[in-house]
Amino acid sequence: MHLRLENISKHFNGTEVLRQVCLADEIGKLAIVGPSGSGKTTLLRIIGGLLQPSEGHVFVDGSRVDYSENKLPHYRAGLGYVFQQNGLFHHLSARKNIALPLQVVHGVSEEESLERAQLLLERFGLVHEGDKLPAQLSGGQQQRAALARAIAASPKLVLLDEPTSALDPEYTNEVLDVINDLGKTGIRFIIVTHEMGFARHACDNLLFLYGGELLEYGTSSALFENPRTLQLQRFLSKLLEWRV
């Protein structure tokens, strides 16, 4: 999938959050990193059609994303989303959380949607949790259910906004392993993350935001081994300071 960001800027109440972000590349497994407040989630939400840029345009496979309300539902339906707090429907079981969007958004029959949900529960190690409500699941299980829901309709791209930020270390590794496995099967994703080991070893490319600007972009291996800007050097050294 080819993504082109053309001079993307975003303002909130007079505050500039993103400034003239430009990018053009094939997306496979992309990590967006940067300090808190650098605009990472804002950029992800603009790419996902959840926020409209104040300036600039987003192009996917050569077509400009139309942010008008009558066009956005079709665009969003082609993407999968996983949020920090999983976004599951609290009153529905894990199985129905996966099946219901297939029925409502994609027009899949109830029988087929439940069959797909069951296969995904098995794939994600949740076969015995299908009838449980989100509150009855561990944090890692909730995020695995959210991942299952995100890929149920075979989206062309999955967007993940710090999916492990609220998890204990044990569940963090559990969820990152699942995302890594998805990437190996050919699923394309963009992830906002503070997990530098995952960004380095599981992602093809790295996008570094700082103060709302895109300061560096390239292969993960190259940027970790040879960060060009002082800001990325400091960012990586600070995060990796307490490595075991």
C-alpha atoms as a PDB file:
ATOM      1  CA  MET A   1       0.000   0.000   0.000  1.00  0.00           C
ATOM      2  CA  HIS A   2       1.425   3.363  -1.005  1.00  0.00           C
ATOM      3  CA  LEU A   3       0.969   6.245   1.432  1.00  0.00           C
ATOM      4  CA  ARG A   4       1.659   9.859   0.587  1.00  0.00           C
ATOM      5  CA  LEU A   5       1.382  12.654   3.131  1.00  0.00           C
ATOM      6  CA  GLU A   6       1.465  16.054   1.499  1.00  0.00           C
ATOM      7  CA  ASN A   7       2.201  18.984   3.845  1.00  0.00           C
ATOM      8  CA  ILE A   8       0.037  17.662   6.692  1.00  0.00           C
ATOM      9  CA  SER A   9      -0.539  20.230   9.441  1.00  0.00           C
ATOM     10  CA  LYS A  10      -2.990  20.192  12.347  1.00  0.00           C
ATOM     11  CA  HIS A  11      -4.043  22.947  14.728  1.00  0.00           C
ATOM     12  CA  PHE A  12      -6.115  22.643  17.904  1.00  0.00           C
ATOM     13  CA  ASN A  13      -7.463  25.916  19.281  1.00  0.00           C
ATOM     14  CA  GLY A  14      -4.583  27.858  17.792  1.00  0.00           C
ATOM     15  CA  THR A  15      -1.927  25.351  18.893  1.00  0.00           C
ATOM     16  CA  GLU A  16       0.052  23.744  16.087  1.00  0.00           C
ATOM     17  CA  VAL A  17       0.359  19.995  16.740  1.00  0.00           C
ATOM     18  CA  LEU A  18       1.672  18.917  13.333  1.00  0.00           C
ATOM     19  CA  ARG A  19       3.672  21.044  10.921  1.00  0.00           C
ATOM     20  CA  GLN A  20       4.114  20.330   7.198  1.00  0.00           C
ATOM     21  CA  VAL A  21       4.588  16.567   7.496  1.00  0.00           C
ATOM     22  CA  CYS A  22       5.544  15.012   4.155  1.00  0.00           C
ATOM     23  CA  LEU A  23       6.086  11.352   3.313  1.00  0.00           C
ATOM     24  CA  ALA A  24       5.786   9.077   0.283  1.00  0.00           C
ATOM     25  CA  ASP A  25       6.491   5.361   0.568  1.00  0.00           C
ATOM     26  CA  GLU A  26       5.154   1.829   0.436  1.00  0.00           C
ATOM     27  CA  ILE A  27       3.820   0.859   3.851  1.00  0.00           C
ATOM     28  CA  GLY A  28       4.539  -2.556   5.295  1.00  0.00           C
ATOM     29  CA  LYS A  29       5.367  -2.392   8.992  1.00  0.00           C
ATOM     30  CA  LEU A  30       5.873   1.198  10.105  1.00  0.00           C
ATOM     31  CA  ALA A  31       6.586   2.478  13.626  1.00  0.00           C
ATOM     32  CA  ILE A  32       5.857   6.087  14.568  1.00  0.00           C
ATOM     33  CA  VAL A  33       7.978   7.193  17.521  1.00  0.00           C
ATOM     34  CA  GLY A  34       8.765  10.403  19.336  1.00  0.00           C
ATOM     35  CA  PRO A  35       8.443  12.165  22.690  1.00  0.00           C
ATOM     36  CA  SER A  36       5.053  12.658  24.319  1.00  0.00           C
ATOM     37  CA  GLY A  37       3.192  15.536  22.675  1.00  0.00           C
ATOM     38  CA  SER A  38       5.070  15.253  19.388  1.00  0.00           C
ATOM     39  CA  GLY A  39       1.893  14.583  17.370  1.00  0.00           C
ATOM     40  CA  LYS A  40       2.131  10.803  16.911  1.00  0.00           C
ATOM     41  CA  THR A  41      -1.490   9.941  17.737  1.00  0.00           C
ATOM     42  CA  THR A  42      -2.743  12.972  15.810  1.00  0.00           C
ATOM     43  CA  LEU A  43      -0.901  11.842  12.680  1.00  0.00           C
ATOM     44  CA  LEU A  44      -2.200   8.281  13.048  1.00  0.00           C
ATOM     45  CA  ARG A  45      -5.773   9.515  13.437  1.00  0.00           C
ATOM     46  CA  ILE A  46      -5.448  11.718  10.338  1.00  0.00           C
ATOM     47  CA  ILE A  47      -4.184   8.755   8.312  1.00  0.00           C
ATOM     48  CA  GLY A  48      -7.111   6.718   9.647  1.00  0.00           C
ATOM     49  CA  GLY A  49      -9.739   9.300   8.742  1.00  0.00           C
ATOM     50  CA  LEU A  50     -10.607   9.985  12.391  1.00  0.00           C
ATOM     51  CA  LEU A  51      -9.274  13.544  12.240  1.00  0.00           C
ATOM     52  CA  GLN A  52      -9.196  15.980   9.348  1.00  0.00           C
ATOM     53  CA  PRO A  53      -5.915  17.823   8.753  1.00  0.00           C
ATOM     54  CA  SER A  54      -5.975  21.591   9.032  1.00  0.00           C
ATOM     55  CA  GLU A  55      -3.804  21.725   5.926  1.00  0.00           C
ATOM     56  CA  GLY A  56      -2.474  19.222   3.415  1.00  0.00           C
ATOM     57  CA  HIS A  57      -3.681  15.977   1.873  1.00  0.00           C
ATOM     58  CA  VAL A  58      -3.412  12.224   2.437  1.00  0.00           C
ATOM     59  CA  PHE A  59      -3.154   9.906  -0.565  1.00  0.00           C
ATOM     60  CA  VAL A  60      -3.589   6.129  -0.362  1.00  0.00           C
ATOM     61  CA  ASP A  61      -2.586   4.144  -3.441  1.00  0.00           C
ATOM     62  CA  GLY A  62      -2.762   7.341  -5.458  1.00  0.00           C
ATOM     63  CA  SER A  63      -6.269   8.377  -4.360  1.00  0.00           C
ATOM     64  CA  ARG A  64      -6.747  11.409  -2.134  1.00  0.00           C
ATOM     65  CA  VAL A  65      -8.609  10.741   1.099  1.00  0.00           C
ATOM     66  CA  ASP A  66     -11.884  12.675   1.085  1.00  0.00           C
ATOM     67  CA  TYR A  67     -12.718  13.831   4.616  1.00  0.00           C
ATOM     68  CA  SER A  68     -16.337  14.708   3.847  1.00  0.00           C
ATOM     69  CA  GLU A  69     -18.775  12.848   6.093  1.00  0.00           C
ATOM     70  CA  ASN A  70     -20.433  10.973   3.238  1.00  0.00           C
ATOM     71  CA  LYS A  71     -17.098   9.599   1.971  1.00  0.00           C
ATOM     72  CA  LEU A  72     -15.292   8.779   5.223  1.00  0.00           C
ATOM     73  CA  PRO A  73     -17.305   5.677   6.274  1.00  0.00           C
ATOM     74  CA  HIS A  74     -16.218   3.812   3.142  1.00  0.00           C
ATOM     75  CA  TYR A  75     -12.576   4.768   3.683  1.00  0.00           C
ATOM     76  CA  ARG A  76     -12.605   3.857   7.379  1.00  0.00           C
ATOM     77  CA  ALA A  77     -14.233   0.506   6.626  1.00  0.00           C
ATOM     78  CA  GLY A  78     -11.086  -0.524   4.767  1.00  0.00           C
ATOM     79  CA  LEU A  79      -8.896  -0.009   7.829  1.00  0.00           C
ATOM     80  CA  GLY A  80      -8.495  -1.787  11.149  1.00  0.00           C
ATOM     81  CA  TYR A  81      -8.003   0.100  14.415  1.00  0.00           C
ATOM     82  CA  VAL A  82      -6.576  -0.837  17.807  1.00  0.00           C
ATOM     83  CA  PHE A  83      -6.503   1.832  20.516  1.00  0.00           C
ATOM     84  CA  GLN A  84      -4.701   2.225  23.841  1.00  0.00           C
ATOM     85  CA  GLN A  85      -7.741   1.069  25.804  1.00  0.00           C
ATOM     86  CA  ASN A  86      -8.794  -1.582  23.240  1.00  0.00           C
ATOM     87  CA  GLY A  87     -12.144   0.099  22.421  1.00  0.00           C
ATOM     88  CA  LEU A  88     -14.154  -3.087  22.910  1.00  0.00           C
ATOM     89  CA  PHE A  89     -17.911  -2.873  23.496  1.00  0.00           C
ATOM     90  CA  HIS A  90     -18.173  -3.553  27.228  1.00  0.00           C
ATOM     91  CA  HIS A  91     -21.645  -5.115  27.030  1.00  0.00           C
ATOM     92  CA  LEU A  92     -20.695  -7.648  24.333  1.00  0.00           C
ATOM     93  CA  SER A  93     -18.727 -10.866  24.607  1.00  0.00           C
ATOM     94  CA  ALA A  94     -15.336 -11.174  22.927  1.00  0.00           C
ATOM     95  CA  ARG A  95     -16.969 -13.237  20.162  1.00  0.00           C
ATOM     96  CA  LYS A  96     -19.682 -10.667  19.492  1.00  0.00           C
ATOM     97  CA  ASN A  97     -17.142  -7.828  19.601  1.00  0.00           C
ATOM     98  CA  ILE A  98     -15.516  -9.466  16.596  1.00  0.00           C
ATOM     99  CA  ALA A  99     -18.675 -10.589  14.800  1.00  0.00           C
ATOM    100  CA  LEU A 100     -20.951  -7.555  15.153  1.00  0.00           C
ATOM    101  CA  PRO A 101     -18.830  -5.049  13.158  1.00  0.00           C
ATOM    102  CA  LEU A 102     -18.629  -7.601  10.351  1.00  0.00           C
ATOM    103  CA  GLN A 103     -22.414  -7.669  10.207  1.00  0.00           C
ATOM    104  CA  VAL A 104     -23.121  -3.951  10.669  1.00  0.00           C
ATOM    105  CA  VAL A 105     -20.228  -2.381   8.720  1.00  0.00           C
ATOM    106  CA  HIS A 106     -19.411  -5.014   6.118  1.00  0.00           C
ATOM    107  CA  GLY A 107     -22.755  -6.735   5.556  1.00  0.00           C
ATOM    108  CA  VAL A 108     -21.515 -10.208   6.489  1.00  0.00           C
ATOM    109  CA  SER A 109     -24.231 -12.672   7.515  1.00  0.00           C
ATOM    110  CA  GLU A 110     -24.587 -13.546  11.192  1.00  0.00           C
ATOM    111  CA  GLU A 111     -23.585 -17.149  10.559  1.00  0.00           C
ATOM    112  CA  GLU A 112     -20.455 -16.271   8.609  1.00  0.00           C
ATOM    113  CA  SER A 113     -19.438 -13.531  11.037  1.00  0.00           C
ATOM    114  CA  LEU A 114     -19.649 -15.925  13.981  1.00  0.00           C
ATOM    115  CA  GLU A 115     -17.624 -18.506  12.070  1.00  0.00           C
ATOM    116  CA  ARG A 116     -14.930 -15.917  11.341  1.00  0.00           C
ATOM    117  CA  ALA A 117     -14.968 -14.799  14.978  1.00  0.00           C
ATOM    118  CA  GLN A 118     -14.485 -18.365  16.172  1.00  0.00           C
ATOM    119  CA  LEU A 119     -11.515 -18.888  13.852  1.00  0.00           C
ATOM    120  CA  LEU A 120      -9.924 -15.678  15.090  1.00  0.00           C
ATOM    121  CA  LEU A 121     -10.512 -16.585  18.738  1.00  0.00           C
ATOM    122  CA  GLU A 122      -8.676 -19.836  18.075  1.00  0.00           C
ATOM    123  CA  ARG A 123      -5.883 -18.069  16.213  1.00  0.00           C
ATOM    124  CA  PHE A 124      -5.344 -15.544  19.016  1.00  0.00           C
ATOM    125  CA  GLY A 125      -5.456 -18.063  21.849  1.00  0.00           C
ATOM    126  CA  LEU A 126      -8.882 -16.947  23.087  1.00  0.00           C
ATOM    127  CA  VAL A 127     -10.941 -20.046  22.322  1.00  0.00           C
ATOM    128  CA  HIS A 128     -12.029 -20.405  25.965  1.00  0.00           C
ATOM    129  CA  GLU A 129     -12.717 -16.668  26.395  1.00  0.00           C
ATOM    130  CA  GLY A 130     -15.182 -16.156  23.546  1.00  0.00           C
ATOM    131  CA  ASP A 131     -18.248 -15.806  25.746  1.00  0.00           C
ATOM    132  CA  LYS A 132     -16.600 -13.572  28.332  1.00  0.00           C
ATOM    133  CA  LEU A 133     -17.199  -9.831  28.591  1.00  0.00           C
ATOM    134  CA  PRO A 134     -14.154  -7.537  28.276  1.00  0.00           C
ATOM    135  CA  ALA A 135     -14.158  -6.906  32.044  1.00  0.00           C
ATOM    136  CA  GLN A 136     -13.642 -10.637  32.569  1.00  0.00           C
ATOM    137  CA  LEU A 137     -10.525 -10.697  30.387  1.00  0.00           C
ATOM    138  CA  SER A 138      -6.961  -9.771  31.301  1.00  0.00           C
ATOM    139  CA  GLY A 139      -5.445  -6.697  29.693  1.00  0.00           C
ATOM    140  CA  GLY A 140      -3.501  -8.827  27.249  1.00  0.00           C
ATOM    141  CA  GLN A 141      -6.598 -10.835  26.337  1.00  0.00           C
ATOM    142  CA  GLN A 142      -8.568  -7.639  25.761  1.00  0.00           C
ATOM    143  CA  GLN A 143      -5.954  -6.327  23.346  1.00  0.00           C
ATOM    144  CA  ARG A 144      -5.755  -9.669  21.539  1.00  0.00           C
ATOM    145  CA  ALA A 145      -9.542  -9.540  21.116  1.00  0.00           C
ATOM    146  CA  ALA A 146      -9.205  -5.978  19.800  1.00  0.00           C
ATOM    147  CA  LEU A 147      -6.566  -7.149  17.323  1.00  0.00           C
ATOM    148  CA  ALA A 148      -8.831  -9.995  16.214  1.00  0.00           C
ATOM    149  CA  ARG A 149     -11.643  -7.518  15.602  1.00  0.00           C
ATOM    150  CA  ALA A 150      -9.296  -5.188  13.698  1.00  0.00           C
ATOM    151  CA  ILE A 151      -8.255  -7.838  11.166  1.00  0.00           C
ATOM    152  CA  ALA A 152     -11.596  -9.683  10.902  1.00  0.00           C
ATOM    153  CA  ALA A 153     -12.584  -7.887   7.689  1.00  0.00           C
ATOM    154  CA  SER A 154      -9.126  -8.269   6.084  1.00  0.00           C
ATOM    155  CA  PRO A 155      -8.313  -4.533   6.087  1.00  0.00           C
ATOM    156  CA  LYS A 156      -5.652  -3.154   3.781  1.00  0.00           C
ATOM    157  CA  LEU A 157      -3.978  -1.466   6.759  1.00  0.00           C
ATOM    158  CA  VAL A 158      -4.169  -1.796  10.565  1.00  0.00           C
ATOM    159  CA  LEU A 159      -3.523   1.287  12.718  1.00  0.00           C
ATOM    160  CA  LEU A 160      -2.348   0.704  16.294  1.00  0.00           C
ATOM    161  CA  ASP A 161      -2.165   3.561  18.790  1.00  0.00           C
ATOM    162  CA  GLU A 162       0.144   2.528  21.643  1.00  0.00           C
ATOM    163  CA  PRO A 163      -1.705  -0.777  22.103  1.00  0.00           C
ATOM    164  CA  THR A 164       0.520  -1.836  25.019  1.00  0.00           C
ATOM    165  CA  SER A 165       0.710   1.460  26.944  1.00  0.00           C
ATOM    166  CA  ALA A 166      -1.729   0.358  29.685  1.00  0.00           C
ATOM    167  CA  LEU A 167      -0.399  -3.188  30.023  1.00  0.00           C
ATOM    168  CA  ASP A 168       1.935  -4.875  32.490  1.00  0.00           C
ATOM    169  CA  PRO A 169       5.251  -6.067  30.967  1.00  0.00           C
ATOM    170  CA  GLU A 170       4.073  -9.673  30.721  1.00  0.00           C
ATOM    171  CA  TYR A 171       0.989  -8.680  28.715  1.00  0.00           C
ATOM    172  CA  THR A 172       2.991  -6.170  26.679  1.00  0.00           C
ATOM    173  CA  ASN A 173       5.208  -8.939  25.310  1.00  0.00           C
ATOM    174  CA  GLU A 174       2.151 -11.114  24.696  1.00  0.00           C
ATOM    175  CA  VAL A 175       0.477  -8.461  22.541  1.00  0.00           C
ATOM    176  CA  LEU A 176       3.664  -7.449  20.714  1.00  0.00           C
ATOM    177  CA  ASP A 177       4.280 -11.091  19.821  1.00  0.00           C
ATOM    178  CA  VAL A 178       0.809 -11.263  18.252  1.00  0.00           C
ATOM    179  CA  ILE A 179       1.374  -8.054  16.253  1.00  0.00           C
ATOM    180  CA  ASN A 180       4.747  -9.347  15.091  1.00  0.00           C
ATOM    181  CA  ASP A 181       3.141 -12.605  13.947  1.00  0.00           C
ATOM    182  CA  LEU A 182       0.505 -10.640  12.029  1.00  0.00           C
ATOM    183  CA  GLY A 183       3.233  -8.698  10.256  1.00  0.00           C
ATOM    184  CA  LYS A 184       4.909 -11.941   9.234  1.00  0.00           C
ATOM    185  CA  THR A 185       1.664 -13.068   7.561  1.00  0.00           C
ATOM    186  CA  GLY A 186       1.696  -9.980   5.340  1.00  0.00           C
ATOM    187  CA  ILE A 187      -0.681  -7.735   7.277  1.00  0.00           C
ATOM    188  CA  ARG A 188       0.379  -4.111   6.886  1.00  0.00           C
ATOM    189  CA  PHE A 189       0.346  -1.918   9.962  1.00  0.00           C
ATOM    190  CA  ILE A 190       1.336   1.459  11.359  1.00  0.00           C
ATOM    191  CA  ILE A 191       1.999   1.466  15.085  1.00  0.00           C
ATOM    192  CA  VAL A 192       2.561   4.353  17.491  1.00  0.00           C
ATOM    193  CA  THR A 193       4.770   2.881  20.168  1.00  0.00           C
ATOM    194  CA  HIS A 194       7.304   3.526  22.912  1.00  0.00           C
ATOM    195  CA  GLU A 195       8.518  -0.083  22.693  1.00  0.00           C
ATOM    196  CA  MET A 196      11.850   0.541  20.995  1.00  0.00           C
ATOM    197  CA  GLY A 197      12.825  -3.121  20.762  1.00  0.00           C
ATOM    198  CA  PHE A 198       9.668  -3.817  18.793  1.00  0.00           C
ATOM    199  CA  ALA A 199      10.164  -0.742  16.598  1.00  0.00           C
ATOM    200  CA  ARG A 200      13.718  -1.815  15.832  1.00  0.00           C
ATOM    201  CA  HIS A 201      13.298  -5.527  15.222  1.00  0.00           C
ATOM    202  CA  ALA A 202       9.670  -6.009  14.101  1.00  0.00           C
ATOM    203  CA  CYS A 203       9.133  -2.924  11.945  1.00  0.00           C
ATOM    204  CA  ASP A 204      10.607  -2.244   8.517  1.00  0.00           C
ATOM    205  CA  ASN A 205      10.597   1.543   8.786  1.00  0.00           C
ATOM    206  CA  LEU A 206      10.682   4.200  11.463  1.00  0.00           C
ATOM    207  CA  LEU A 207       9.134   7.678  11.437  1.00  0.00           C
ATOM    208  CA  PHE A 208      10.426  10.067  14.111  1.00  0.00           C
ATOM    209  CA  LEU A 209       8.259  13.029  15.098  1.00  0.00           C
ATOM    210  CA  TYR A 210       9.576  15.836  17.265  1.00  0.00           C
ATOM    211  CA  GLY A 211       7.673  19.004  18.109  1.00  0.00           C
ATOM    212  CA  GLY A 212       5.107  18.234  15.436  1.00  0.00           C
ATOM    213  CA  GLU A 213       7.697  17.872  12.676  1.00  0.00           C
ATOM    214  CA  LEU A 214       8.933  14.787  10.856  1.00  0.00           C
ATOM    215  CA  LEU A 215      12.646  14.905  11.605  1.00  0.00           C
ATOM    216  CA  GLU A 216      13.738  11.472  10.381  1.00  0.00           C
ATOM    217  CA  TYR A 217      12.342   8.656   8.278  1.00  0.00           C
ATOM    218  CA  GLY A 218      14.009   5.497   7.050  1.00  0.00           C
ATOM    219  CA  THR A 219      14.597   1.839   7.735  1.00  0.00           C
ATOM    220  CA  SER A 220      14.456   0.973  11.421  1.00  0.00           C
ATOM    221  CA  SER A 221      17.865  -0.677  11.401  1.00  0.00           C
ATOM    222  CA  ALA A 222      19.543   2.338   9.808  1.00  0.00           C
ATOM    223  CA  LEU A 223      17.980   4.931  12.118  1.00  0.00           C
ATOM    224  CA  PHE A 224      18.728   2.961  15.264  1.00  0.00           C
ATOM    225  CA  GLU A 225      22.326   2.363  14.224  1.00  0.00           C
ATOM    226  CA  ASN A 226      22.958   5.851  12.880  1.00  0.00           C
ATOM    227  CA  PRO A 227      20.416   8.512  13.938  1.00  0.00           C
ATOM    228  CA  ARG A 228      21.193  11.658  11.985  1.00  0.00           C
ATOM    229  CA  THR A 229      19.616  14.337  14.176  1.00  0.00           C
ATOM    230  CA  LEU A 230      20.614  15.249  17.705  1.00  0.00           C
ATOM    231  CA  GLN A 231      16.953  14.965  18.740  1.00  0.00           C
ATOM    232  CA  LEU A 232      16.697  11.309  17.698  1.00  0.00           C
ATOM    233  CA  GLN A 233      20.079  10.526  19.240  1.00  0.00           C
ATOM    234  CA  ARG A 234      18.913  11.938  22.576  1.00  0.00           C
ATOM    235  CA  PHE A 235      15.501  10.286  22.323  1.00  0.00           C
ATOM    236  CA  LEU A 236      16.950   6.832  21.726  1.00  0.00           C
ATOM    237  CA  SER A 237      19.704   7.155  24.324  1.00  0.00           C
ATOM    238  CA  LYS A 238      17.172   8.231  26.953  1.00  0.00           C
ATOM    239  CA  LEU A 239      14.785   5.363  26.222  1.00  0.00           C
ATOM    240  CA  LEU A 240      17.544   2.774  26.028  1.00  0.00           C
ATOM    241  CA  GLU A 241      19.342   4.042  29.161  1.00  0.00           C
ATOM    242  CA  TRP A 242      17.768   1.416  31.419  1.00  0.00           C
ATOM    243  CA  ARG A 243      18.132  -1.585  29.130  1.00  0.00           C
ATOM    244  CA  VAL A 244      18.762  -4.870  30.903  1.00  0.00           C
END
